[in-house]
Amino acid sequence: MTITQHELESRLWDAANALRGPVDPADFKTYVFPMLFWKWISDTWVHEHDAAFAKYGDDLDDEIEADFHRFELPEGTLWSEVTEKVTNLGAEIAKTFQRIEMANPRSLAGVFGDASWGNQERIPESALLGLIRAFNKITLDPSTVSHDLLGAGYEYLLKNFADESGKKAGEFFTPREVVNLLVGILQPEPGESVYDPSCGSGGMLVATINQLRESGKDHRALKAYGQEINLTTASIARMNLFLHEIEDFDIKRGDTLRAPAFKDTTGAVRRFDVVIANPPFSLANWGADRWTSDPRAICGVPPAKNGDYAFVQHMVSSMQPESGRVGVVMPHGVLFRGGAEAKIRQGLIERDFLEAVVGLPPNLFYSTSIPACLLIFRDKKPVKRKKQVLFIDGSARFVKGKNQNLMSEEDVNVLIEAYKTGNDPDGANVRLVPFEEIEQNGFDLNIGRYINVAAEEAADLGAVLVAYADARQHRMDTEAEMFKRLAAAGVDLSVFGASGE
């Protein structure tokens, strides 16, 4: 008996709510996703076993049955076998996850993350039992829940967890309308490779697959790659891709700027057809000291306290010759900041990599309210766009939300059409600007310099907000350093109303 999407979402959210109270909502994802994944592979294993027995009956042996299973589940690791235990349940679950990972080293090693299942201060047994009872009400085998439905349910949980987590959500979730806009601009094709160097929960990689499916193209021929620094988030990304029936993917954990995980045989960063990301904005302490001789610093080394252009240059360096294109979400500050960033910006424009700048509406993201933009780069731009940059102002394309603004499907489609045609289809201010004009403006890419901004006041406010945020961060860093030195000198910091921490 199949269930509807609404029923599935309601039951999944009931499971998450079983943790409410003793577990911080920002940590729901750490526990709910591994349990959901385990329930899915366990129910699916039982479904596959029943299908094997129905076909072979008493002639069924282990060798024959192995062909029916996608994952190997050792004896005693099924959901029903473990969750009915009455003592040390958390520790039993942790042991079960280890056994499943060891039995599937190539596909599932580390997939369950590193949650402290046996630590009752983190997750009391009462909360764990509530989570199990909620999941017991859902059967997650293919006859009940299709991959499309299960994938949509996973996305639903991600969105809800992002809403619950507030600013912390920026670490693992990008609003889906922004993802769909980037994917629609870059248009991955079957057989291509797609790479996200800060993949979070895998949303951008999943969106590329979904776009191919929805357009009737063979999504199975697309190869997905990602790197993510946070262990729990990297695990969530892998589970996300599995649940969306994506087979050919490789998610690696690690620091992309300090130690890129994908290399070619020469040791250089690997090249991909599509490189797509929403990296952390203005990352401090990103590893600038290692970039003085890094070949990715193609136009210079970014400031040590701001890694925006480090991500940009890493992504541009990861473009496949000829077919390669890049789409990256960035704060507006990258368009006009001076110093080392201005030199890098100039170098990228002079090399004719930058194809488009797309201004986004304000307050779309969980992690920041400052305006953001999309930068689109191509290894080989279309002839009609060579030595030019397309500017699109989409700042007015939004629906006012309670905590965040939203972009409708129509808003997204209008901006994709503006990018494809270079025309203004419906109020999205668009202009193709020649290199000479950008050069005359000192390679400043502030959108308001080149097109009639729909709301110039909003654009000006955006620039002011970015400048304010930069200045505020600089002041905070300077104060922290001052207090550190004063404390080291034995000065009583209480006279400053500061703790020095």
Protein backbone atom coordinates (compact mmCIF):
# COMPACT_ATOMS: atom_id res chain seq x y z
CA MET A 1 0.00 0.00 0.00
CA THR A 2 1.56 3.30 -1.10
CA ILE A 3 1.32 6.51 0.91
CA THR A 4 0.98 10.09 -0.28
CA GLN A 5 3.69 12.72 -0.07
CA HIS A 6 1.69 14.59 2.57
CA GLU A 7 1.37 11.42 4.70
CA LEU A 8 5.09 10.69 4.40
CA GLU A 9 6.09 14.25 5.29
CA SER A 10 3.73 14.30 8.26
CA ARG A 11 5.14 11.04 9.63
CA LEU A 12 8.74 12.10 9.07
CA TRP A 13 8.11 15.35 10.92
CA ASP A 14 6.45 13.39 13.76
CA ALA A 15 9.70 11.42 14.03
CA ALA A 16 11.74 14.60 14.26
CA ASN A 17 9.37 16.04 16.86
CA ALA A 18 9.97 12.99 19.06
CA LEU A 19 13.33 14.58 19.87
CA ARG A 20 11.93 17.98 20.75
CA GLY A 21 12.76 19.05 24.29
CA PRO A 22 15.86 17.06 25.23
CA VAL A 23 17.57 17.59 21.84
CA ASP A 24 18.36 21.01 20.36
CA PRO A 25 16.46 21.48 17.06
CA ALA A 26 19.77 22.38 15.39
CA ASP A 27 20.88 18.78 16.14
CA PHE A 28 17.74 17.03 14.85
CA LYS A 29 19.44 16.25 11.54
CA THR A 30 22.32 14.48 13.32
CA TYR A 31 19.95 11.80 14.63
CA VAL A 32 16.94 11.74 12.31
CA PHE A 33 18.75 11.23 9.00
CA PRO A 34 20.84 8.21 10.07
CA MET A 35 17.74 6.56 11.55
CA LEU A 36 15.73 7.33 8.40
CA PHE A 37 18.51 5.89 6.22
CA TRP A 38 18.82 2.76 8.34
CA LYS A 39 15.04 2.23 8.30
CA TRP A 40 15.05 2.62 4.51
CA ILE A 41 17.89 0.16 3.80
CA SER A 42 16.46 -2.28 6.36
CA ASP A 43 12.89 -2.21 4.99
CA THR A 44 14.27 -2.42 1.45
CA TRP A 45 16.45 -5.42 2.38
CA VAL A 46 13.39 -7.26 3.76
CA HIS A 47 11.44 -6.37 0.58
CA GLU A 48 14.30 -7.70 -1.59
CA HIS A 49 14.53 -10.87 0.54
CA ASP A 50 10.79 -11.51 0.13
CA ALA A 51 11.12 -11.03 -3.65
CA ALA A 52 14.02 -13.50 -3.76
CA PHE A 53 12.10 -16.09 -1.71
CA ALA A 54 8.99 -15.63 -3.86
CA LYS A 55 11.06 -16.49 -6.92
CA TYR A 56 13.27 -19.32 -5.60
CA GLY A 57 11.45 -20.64 -2.53
CA ASP A 58 13.39 -23.32 -0.67
CA ASP A 59 16.09 -23.28 -3.36
CA LEU A 60 17.15 -19.79 -2.26
CA ASP A 61 20.70 -19.69 -0.89
CA ASP A 62 23.02 -16.85 0.18
CA GLU A 63 24.77 -16.67 -3.18
CA ILE A 64 21.52 -16.28 -5.12
CA GLU A 65 20.05 -13.86 -2.61
CA ALA A 66 23.11 -11.58 -2.75
CA ASP A 67 22.13 -10.63 -6.31
CA PHE A 68 18.86 -9.20 -5.03
CA HIS A 69 20.41 -6.81 -2.51
CA ARG A 70 21.89 -3.38 -3.09
CA PHE A 71 23.42 -3.30 0.40
CA GLU A 72 24.59 -6.14 2.62
CA LEU A 73 23.00 -6.24 6.07
CA PRO A 74 24.77 -8.67 8.42
CA GLU A 75 22.64 -10.89 10.63
CA GLY A 76 21.27 -8.97 13.59
CA THR A 77 21.43 -5.50 11.97
CA LEU A 78 17.86 -5.23 10.67
CA TRP A 79 15.74 -2.46 12.18
CA SER A 80 13.33 -4.95 13.78
CA GLU A 81 16.20 -6.97 15.29
CA VAL A 82 17.87 -4.03 17.05
CA THR A 83 15.14 -1.57 18.01
CA GLU A 84 13.31 -4.06 20.21
CA LYS A 85 16.28 -4.41 22.56
CA VAL A 86 15.62 -3.01 26.00
CA THR A 87 19.08 -2.28 27.41
CA ASN A 88 21.82 0.03 26.12
CA LEU A 89 19.76 0.79 23.03
CA GLY A 90 21.89 3.75 21.91
CA ALA A 91 25.09 1.72 22.15
CA GLU A 92 23.45 -1.15 20.22
CA ILE A 93 22.46 1.25 17.43
CA ALA A 94 26.01 2.62 17.24
CA LYS A 95 27.38 -0.94 17.02
CA THR A 96 24.83 -1.77 14.31
CA PHE A 97 25.83 1.22 12.22
CA GLN A 98 29.49 0.19 12.46
CA ARG A 99 28.70 -3.36 11.33
CA ILE A 100 26.65 -2.15 8.35
CA GLU A 101 29.42 0.25 7.29
CA MET A 102 32.06 -2.48 7.57
CA ALA A 103 29.92 -4.85 5.51
CA ASN A 104 29.64 -2.23 2.73
CA PRO A 105 33.08 -0.55 2.76
CA ARG A 106 32.96 0.82 -0.78
CA SER A 107 29.52 2.42 -0.58
CA LEU A 108 28.63 3.07 3.07
CA ALA A 109 31.89 3.65 4.99
CA GLY A 110 31.23 6.53 7.40
CA VAL A 111 27.75 7.20 6.04
CA PHE A 112 26.05 7.23 9.45
CA GLY A 113 28.20 10.07 10.76
CA ASP A 114 29.66 10.35 14.24
CA ALA A 115 26.69 10.99 16.55
CA SER A 116 27.15 9.85 20.16
CA TRP A 117 24.26 7.37 20.23
CA GLY A 118 25.24 5.96 23.60
CA ASN A 119 25.52 9.37 25.28
CA GLN A 120 22.22 9.80 27.13
CA GLU A 121 23.00 13.43 27.93
CA ARG A 122 22.96 14.12 24.19
CA ILE A 123 20.01 11.88 23.32
CA PRO A 124 18.12 10.37 26.28
CA GLU A 125 16.78 6.86 25.77
CA SER A 126 13.22 8.20 26.06
CA ALA A 127 13.83 10.46 23.03
CA LEU A 128 15.43 7.59 21.13
CA LEU A 129 12.45 5.34 21.85
CA GLY A 130 10.10 8.10 20.69
CA LEU A 131 12.07 8.38 17.45
CA ILE A 132 11.87 4.61 16.93
CA ARG A 133 8.12 4.50 17.64
CA ALA A 134 7.54 7.26 15.09
CA PHE A 135 9.58 5.46 12.42
CA ASN A 136 7.77 2.18 13.19
CA LYS A 137 4.66 3.82 11.71
CA ILE A 138 6.35 4.16 8.30
CA THR A 139 7.31 1.39 5.90
CA LEU A 140 10.04 2.62 3.58
CA ASP A 141 10.38 -0.17 1.04
CA PRO A 142 9.93 0.47 -2.73
CA SER A 143 6.39 -0.93 -2.79
CA THR A 144 5.26 1.72 -0.30
CA VAL A 145 7.49 4.74 -0.96
CA SER A 146 9.00 5.45 -4.38
CA HIS A 147 12.47 7.00 -4.69
CA ASP A 148 10.89 10.24 -5.92
CA LEU A 149 8.62 10.37 -2.87
CA LEU A 150 11.40 9.45 -0.45
CA GLY A 151 13.74 12.03 -2.00
CA ALA A 152 11.03 14.69 -1.68
CA GLY A 153 10.50 13.67 1.95
CA TYR A 154 14.22 14.05 2.64
CA GLU A 155 14.18 17.52 1.06
CA TYR A 156 11.16 18.40 3.18
CA LEU A 157 13.04 17.47 6.35
CA LEU A 158 16.13 19.41 5.25
CA LYS A 159 14.03 22.53 4.69
CA ASN A 160 12.27 22.16 8.04
CA PHE A 161 15.53 21.53 9.87
CA ALA A 162 16.95 24.65 8.20
CA ASP A 163 13.96 26.68 9.41
CA GLU A 164 14.49 25.33 12.95
CA SER A 165 18.25 25.92 12.91
CA GLY A 166 18.17 29.61 11.93
CA LYS A 167 21.56 31.01 10.95
CA LYS A 168 23.27 27.64 11.49
CA ALA A 169 21.27 26.35 8.50
CA GLY A 170 23.57 28.22 6.13
CA GLU A 171 26.18 25.53 6.82
CA PHE A 172 24.12 22.79 5.17
CA PHE A 173 21.17 24.25 3.24
CA THR A 174 20.82 26.64 0.30
CA PRO A 175 17.28 27.85 -0.52
CA ARG A 176 16.02 25.62 -3.31
CA GLU A 177 15.00 28.51 -5.57
CA VAL A 178 18.64 29.69 -5.63
CA VAL A 179 19.79 26.14 -6.37
CA ASN A 180 17.25 25.77 -9.19
CA LEU A 181 18.31 29.12 -10.66
CA LEU A 182 21.99 28.10 -10.74
CA VAL A 183 21.22 24.67 -12.19
CA GLY A 184 18.91 26.21 -14.80
CA ILE A 185 21.68 28.60 -15.88
CA LEU A 186 24.43 25.95 -16.04
CA GLN A 187 22.23 23.24 -17.63
CA PRO A 188 24.12 20.00 -16.93
CA GLU A 189 23.77 17.35 -19.65
CA PRO A 190 23.80 13.51 -19.53
CA GLY A 191 27.33 12.14 -19.46
CA GLU A 192 28.78 15.28 -17.89
CA SER A 193 30.47 15.59 -14.50
CA VAL A 194 29.13 17.95 -11.82
CA TYR A 195 31.22 19.07 -8.84
CA ASP A 196 30.34 21.03 -5.70
CA PRO A 197 33.41 21.96 -3.61
CA SER A 198 31.31 22.94 -0.57
CA CYS A 199 28.42 20.56 -1.10
CA GLY A 200 26.62 20.85 2.24
CA SER A 201 23.72 18.38 2.27
CA GLY A 202 24.10 17.71 -1.46
CA GLY A 203 21.17 19.85 -2.61
CA MET A 204 22.88 21.27 -5.69
CA LEU A 205 24.01 17.84 -6.87
CA VAL A 206 20.51 16.42 -6.35
CA ALA A 207 18.98 19.37 -8.24
CA THR A 208 21.15 18.67 -11.31
CA ILE A 209 19.90 15.08 -11.34
CA ASN A 210 16.28 16.17 -10.88
CA GLN A 211 16.50 18.66 -13.74
CA LEU A 212 17.64 15.95 -16.13
CA ARG A 213 14.88 13.60 -14.94
CA GLU A 214 12.21 16.26 -15.36
CA SER A 215 13.39 17.08 -18.88
CA GLY A 216 13.26 13.40 -19.86
CA LYS A 217 17.04 13.00 -20.15
CA ASP A 218 19.10 10.10 -18.80
CA HIS A 219 20.12 11.26 -15.32
CA ARG A 220 21.98 8.03 -14.64
CA ALA A 221 24.76 9.09 -17.02
CA LEU A 222 25.57 12.15 -14.92
CA LYS A 223 28.52 11.83 -12.52
CA ALA A 224 28.30 13.79 -9.24
CA TYR A 225 31.22 14.82 -7.04
CA GLY A 226 31.35 16.87 -3.85
CA GLN A 227 33.57 17.84 -0.94
CA GLU A 228 32.32 18.95 2.47
CA ILE A 229 34.35 19.88 5.55
CA ASN A 230 31.74 18.93 8.18
CA LEU A 231 31.50 15.18 8.85
CA THR A 232 27.81 15.11 9.77
CA THR A 233 26.88 17.26 6.77
CA ALA A 234 28.99 15.13 4.40
CA SER A 235 27.14 12.05 5.68
CA ILE A 236 23.78 13.76 5.14
CA ALA A 237 24.82 14.54 1.55
CA ARG A 238 25.68 10.90 0.84
CA MET A 239 22.38 9.69 2.29
CA ASN A 240 20.57 12.34 0.25
CA LEU A 241 22.09 11.08 -3.01
CA PHE A 242 21.38 7.43 -2.18
CA LEU A 243 17.75 8.21 -1.34
CA HIS A 244 17.38 10.05 -4.67
CA GLU A 245 18.49 6.86 -6.47
CA ILE A 246 21.78 8.37 -7.61
CA GLU A 247 24.42 5.69 -8.09
CA ASP A 248 27.45 7.37 -9.66
CA PHE A 249 28.64 9.84 -7.05
CA ASP A 250 31.63 10.48 -4.82
CA ILE A 251 31.37 12.70 -1.73
CA LYS A 252 34.63 13.28 0.13
CA ARG A 253 35.10 14.93 3.47
CA GLY A 254 37.75 17.60 3.92
CA ASP A 255 38.83 21.23 3.59
CA THR A 256 38.60 22.14 -0.10
CA LEU A 257 40.80 25.23 0.10
CA ARG A 258 43.57 23.61 2.15
CA ALA A 259 43.37 20.07 0.78
CA PRO A 260 41.24 19.59 -2.36
CA ALA A 261 40.21 15.94 -2.47
CA PHE A 262 39.81 15.56 -6.22
CA LYS A 263 43.11 15.50 -8.12
CA ASP A 264 44.21 14.23 -11.52
CA THR A 265 47.18 11.94 -12.14
CA THR A 266 49.58 14.91 -12.20
CA GLY A 267 48.46 16.15 -8.78
CA ALA A 268 46.58 19.15 -10.19
CA VAL A 269 42.95 19.77 -9.24
CA ARG A 270 40.60 17.62 -11.26
CA ARG A 271 38.52 19.27 -13.99
CA PHE A 272 34.72 19.00 -14.30
CA ASP A 273 32.10 20.09 -16.83
CA VAL A 274 29.93 21.88 -14.26
CA VAL A 275 31.22 23.40 -11.00
CA ILE A 276 28.50 24.74 -8.74
CA ALA A 277 28.55 25.97 -5.13
CA ASN A 278 27.28 28.21 -2.36
CA PRO A 279 30.47 28.42 -0.26
CA PRO A 280 30.59 30.10 3.17
CA PHE A 281 30.65 33.87 2.70
CA SER A 282 33.81 35.81 3.61
CA LEU A 283 35.48 32.88 5.36
CA ALA A 284 38.29 33.96 7.69
CA ASN A 285 41.37 31.81 8.39
CA TRP A 286 40.85 29.83 5.20
CA GLY A 287 44.51 28.91 4.64
CA ALA A 288 46.00 31.84 2.73
CA ASP A 289 49.51 30.91 3.86
CA ARG A 290 49.32 27.78 1.67
CA TRP A 291 48.26 29.66 -1.45
CA THR A 292 51.43 31.66 -2.17
CA SER A 293 52.62 28.81 -4.40
CA ASP A 294 49.25 27.19 -5.11
CA PRO A 295 48.52 26.90 -8.86
CA ARG A 296 44.85 27.72 -8.11
CA ALA A 297 45.86 31.31 -7.30
CA ILE A 298 45.66 32.07 -11.00
CA CYS A 299 45.13 35.80 -10.48
CA GLY A 300 46.63 36.30 -7.02
CA VAL A 301 46.27 35.30 -3.36
CA PRO A 302 43.07 36.52 -1.65
CA PRO A 303 43.19 38.30 1.74
CA ALA A 304 43.87 36.01 4.70
CA LYS A 305 40.64 37.15 6.40
CA ASN A 306 38.36 36.66 3.40
CA GLY A 307 38.27 33.48 1.34
CA ASP A 308 35.60 34.48 -1.20
CA TYR A 309 38.01 34.68 -4.13
CA ALA A 310 39.83 31.55 -2.97
CA PHE A 311 36.62 29.59 -3.62
CA VAL A 312 36.08 31.42 -6.92
CA GLN A 313 39.61 30.66 -8.16
CA HIS A 314 39.41 27.05 -6.98
CA MET A 315 36.21 26.63 -8.96
CA VAL A 316 37.56 28.35 -12.07
CA SER A 317 40.66 26.13 -11.84
CA SER A 318 38.33 23.12 -11.71
CA MET A 319 36.60 23.92 -15.04
CA GLN A 320 37.00 21.39 -17.83
CA PRO A 321 38.67 22.96 -20.89
CA GLU A 322 36.09 23.94 -23.55
CA SER A 323 32.93 22.62 -21.80
CA GLY A 324 33.62 23.88 -18.29
CA ARG A 325 31.29 26.38 -16.60
CA VAL A 326 31.02 27.63 -13.05
CA GLY A 327 28.12 29.01 -11.02
CA VAL A 328 28.84 30.35 -7.54
CA VAL A 329 26.85 32.28 -4.92
CA MET A 330 28.81 35.21 -3.51
CA PRO A 331 28.20 38.30 -1.34
CA HIS A 332 27.99 41.59 -3.26
CA GLY A 333 31.31 42.67 -1.77
CA VAL A 334 33.20 40.54 -4.33
CA LEU A 335 31.91 42.92 -7.03
CA PHE A 336 33.66 46.02 -5.74
CA ARG A 337 36.08 45.38 -2.85
CA GLY A 338 39.61 46.72 -3.41
CA GLY A 339 43.11 45.48 -2.65
CA ALA A 340 44.06 41.91 -3.53
CA GLU A 341 40.45 41.09 -4.44
CA ALA A 342 40.35 43.91 -7.02
CA LYS A 343 43.46 42.48 -8.73
CA ILE A 344 41.95 38.97 -8.81
CA ARG A 345 38.66 40.34 -10.17
CA GLN A 346 40.53 42.24 -12.88
CA GLY A 347 42.55 39.14 -13.81
CA LEU A 348 39.45 36.95 -14.20
CA ILE A 349 37.77 39.58 -16.39
CA GLU A 350 40.89 40.12 -18.52
CA ARG A 351 41.13 36.36 -19.09
CA ASP A 352 37.51 36.51 -20.25
CA PHE A 353 36.29 33.84 -17.86
CA LEU A 354 33.46 35.90 -16.33
CA GLU A 355 30.27 35.54 -18.37
CA ALA A 356 27.53 36.92 -16.12
CA VAL A 357 26.72 38.67 -12.84
CA VAL A 358 23.20 38.03 -11.50
CA GLY A 359 21.98 40.20 -8.61
CA LEU A 360 19.69 38.29 -6.24
CA PRO A 361 16.90 39.62 -4.00
CA PRO A 362 17.82 40.56 -0.42
CA ASN A 363 17.34 38.29 2.60
CA LEU A 364 17.10 34.94 0.79
CA PHE A 365 19.61 33.03 2.90
CA TYR A 366 19.56 31.60 6.42
CA SER A 367 23.12 32.60 7.29
CA THR A 368 23.04 36.27 6.29
CA SER A 369 20.68 39.07 5.31
CA ILE A 370 23.22 40.91 3.13
CA PRO A 371 22.57 40.93 -0.64
CA ALA A 372 24.12 38.13 -2.69
CA CYS A 373 24.79 37.51 -6.36
CA LEU A 374 25.63 34.71 -8.76
CA LEU A 375 28.89 34.78 -10.71
CA ILE A 376 28.89 32.68 -13.87
CA PHE A 377 32.20 31.72 -15.48
CA ARG A 378 32.95 29.76 -18.66
CA ASP A 379 36.17 28.32 -19.98
CA LYS A 380 34.98 29.12 -23.50
CA LYS A 381 32.30 31.78 -23.77
CA PRO A 382 29.89 31.95 -26.74
CA VAL A 383 31.23 34.15 -29.54
CA LYS A 384 28.55 36.79 -29.02
CA ARG A 385 29.57 37.19 -25.36
CA LYS A 386 33.35 37.24 -25.72
CA LYS A 387 35.00 40.29 -24.14
CA GLN A 388 31.64 41.19 -22.57
CA VAL A 389 29.87 40.51 -19.27
CA LEU A 390 26.12 40.03 -18.94
CA PHE A 391 24.59 41.91 -16.00
CA ILE A 392 21.16 40.87 -14.67
CA ASP A 393 19.45 42.67 -11.81
CA GLY A 394 17.03 40.27 -10.16
CA SER A 395 16.80 42.21 -6.89
CA ALA A 396 13.08 42.87 -7.28
CA ARG A 397 12.16 39.26 -8.13
CA PHE A 398 10.92 38.01 -4.76
CA VAL A 399 7.94 37.39 -2.54
CA LYS A 400 8.12 38.83 0.97
CA GLY A 401 8.35 36.09 3.58
CA LYS A 402 7.98 36.05 7.36
CA ASN A 403 11.66 35.48 8.19
CA GLN A 404 13.17 35.34 4.71
CA ASN A 405 12.21 36.44 1.26
CA LEU A 406 11.33 33.82 -1.34
CA MET A 407 11.61 33.54 -5.12
CA SER A 408 8.68 32.01 -6.99
CA GLU A 409 9.12 29.50 -9.80
CA GLU A 410 8.20 32.31 -12.20
CA ASP A 411 10.92 34.55 -10.72
CA VAL A 412 13.50 31.81 -11.24
CA ASN A 413 12.37 31.11 -14.81
CA VAL A 414 12.46 34.81 -15.72
CA LEU A 415 16.08 35.09 -14.60
CA ILE A 416 17.08 31.89 -16.41
CA GLU A 417 15.49 33.22 -19.58
CA ALA A 418 17.27 36.55 -19.12
CA TYR A 419 20.59 34.72 -18.88
CA LYS A 420 19.92 32.51 -21.91
CA THR A 421 18.72 35.26 -24.24
CA GLY A 422 20.44 38.34 -22.86
CA ASN A 423 17.05 40.05 -23.12
CA ASP A 424 14.70 41.53 -20.53
CA PRO A 425 11.72 39.10 -20.57
CA ASP A 426 9.76 40.51 -17.67
CA GLY A 427 11.18 43.31 -15.63
CA ALA A 428 14.60 41.78 -15.00
CA ASN A 429 17.03 44.53 -15.91
CA VAL A 430 19.58 43.06 -18.31
CA ARG A 431 22.56 44.46 -20.16
CA LEU A 432 25.56 43.00 -22.02
CA VAL A 433 28.49 45.26 -21.11
CA PRO A 434 31.69 45.48 -23.20
CA PHE A 435 35.09 44.91 -21.62
CA GLU A 436 36.18 48.48 -22.34
CA GLU A 437 33.42 49.95 -20.18
CA ILE A 438 34.26 47.66 -17.28
CA GLU A 439 37.93 48.59 -17.67
CA GLN A 440 37.03 52.30 -17.57
CA ASN A 441 35.23 51.65 -14.27
CA GLY A 442 38.39 50.15 -12.77
CA PHE A 443 36.95 46.60 -13.06
CA ASP A 444 34.29 47.46 -10.48
CA LEU A 445 31.35 45.09 -11.11
CA ASN A 446 28.74 46.85 -8.97
CA ILE A 447 25.53 46.15 -10.88
CA GLY A 448 24.21 49.69 -10.44
CA ARG A 449 27.10 51.02 -12.55
CA TYR A 450 25.94 49.21 -15.66
CA ILE A 451 22.16 48.91 -15.72
CA ASN A 452 19.15 50.83 -14.50
CA VAL A 453 18.58 49.02 -11.24
CA ALA A 454 14.93 48.35 -10.55
CA ALA A 455 15.32 49.78 -7.08
CA GLU A 456 18.46 51.88 -6.93
CA GLU A 457 17.90 52.65 -3.29
CA ALA A 458 17.86 48.93 -2.51
CA ALA A 459 21.06 48.40 -4.45
CA ASP A 460 22.73 51.32 -2.70
CA LEU A 461 21.53 49.96 0.64
CA GLY A 462 22.97 46.57 -0.31
CA ALA A 463 26.39 48.05 -0.97
CA VAL A 464 26.22 49.98 2.31
CA LEU A 465 25.23 46.83 4.21
CA VAL A 466 28.12 44.88 2.73
CA ALA A 467 30.59 47.67 3.53
CA TYR A 468 29.16 47.91 7.06
CA ALA A 469 29.44 44.14 7.61
CA ASP A 470 33.05 44.18 6.42
CA ALA A 471 33.95 47.15 8.64
CA ARG A 472 32.16 45.63 11.63
CA GLN A 473 34.00 42.34 11.26
CA HIS A 474 37.32 44.17 10.93
CA ARG A 475 36.57 46.14 14.13
CA MET A 476 35.64 42.95 16.01
CA ASP A 477 38.82 41.19 14.87
CA THR A 478 40.93 44.19 15.88
CA GLU A 479 39.25 44.42 19.30
CA ALA A 480 39.73 40.70 19.91
CA GLU A 481 43.43 41.01 19.14
CA MET A 482 43.72 44.08 21.40
CA PHE A 483 42.00 42.34 24.33
CA LYS A 484 44.21 39.30 23.83
CA ARG A 485 47.36 41.43 24.09
CA LEU A 486 46.04 43.39 27.06
CA ALA A 487 45.20 40.18 28.90
CA ALA A 488 48.68 38.83 28.16
CA ALA A 489 50.10 42.03 29.66
CA GLY A 490 48.07 41.49 32.84
CA VAL A 491 45.57 44.31 32.28
CA ASP A 492 42.18 43.89 34.01
CA LEU A 493 39.75 43.69 31.07
CA SER A 494 36.68 44.31 33.24
CA VAL A 495 37.37 48.04 32.98
CA PHE A 496 36.55 47.72 29.28
CA GLY A 497 33.41 45.69 29.96
CA ALA A 498 35.04 42.75 28.18
CA SER A 499 36.03 39.24 29.19
CA GLY A 500 38.73 38.84 26.60
CA GLU A 501 37.20 35.58 25.39
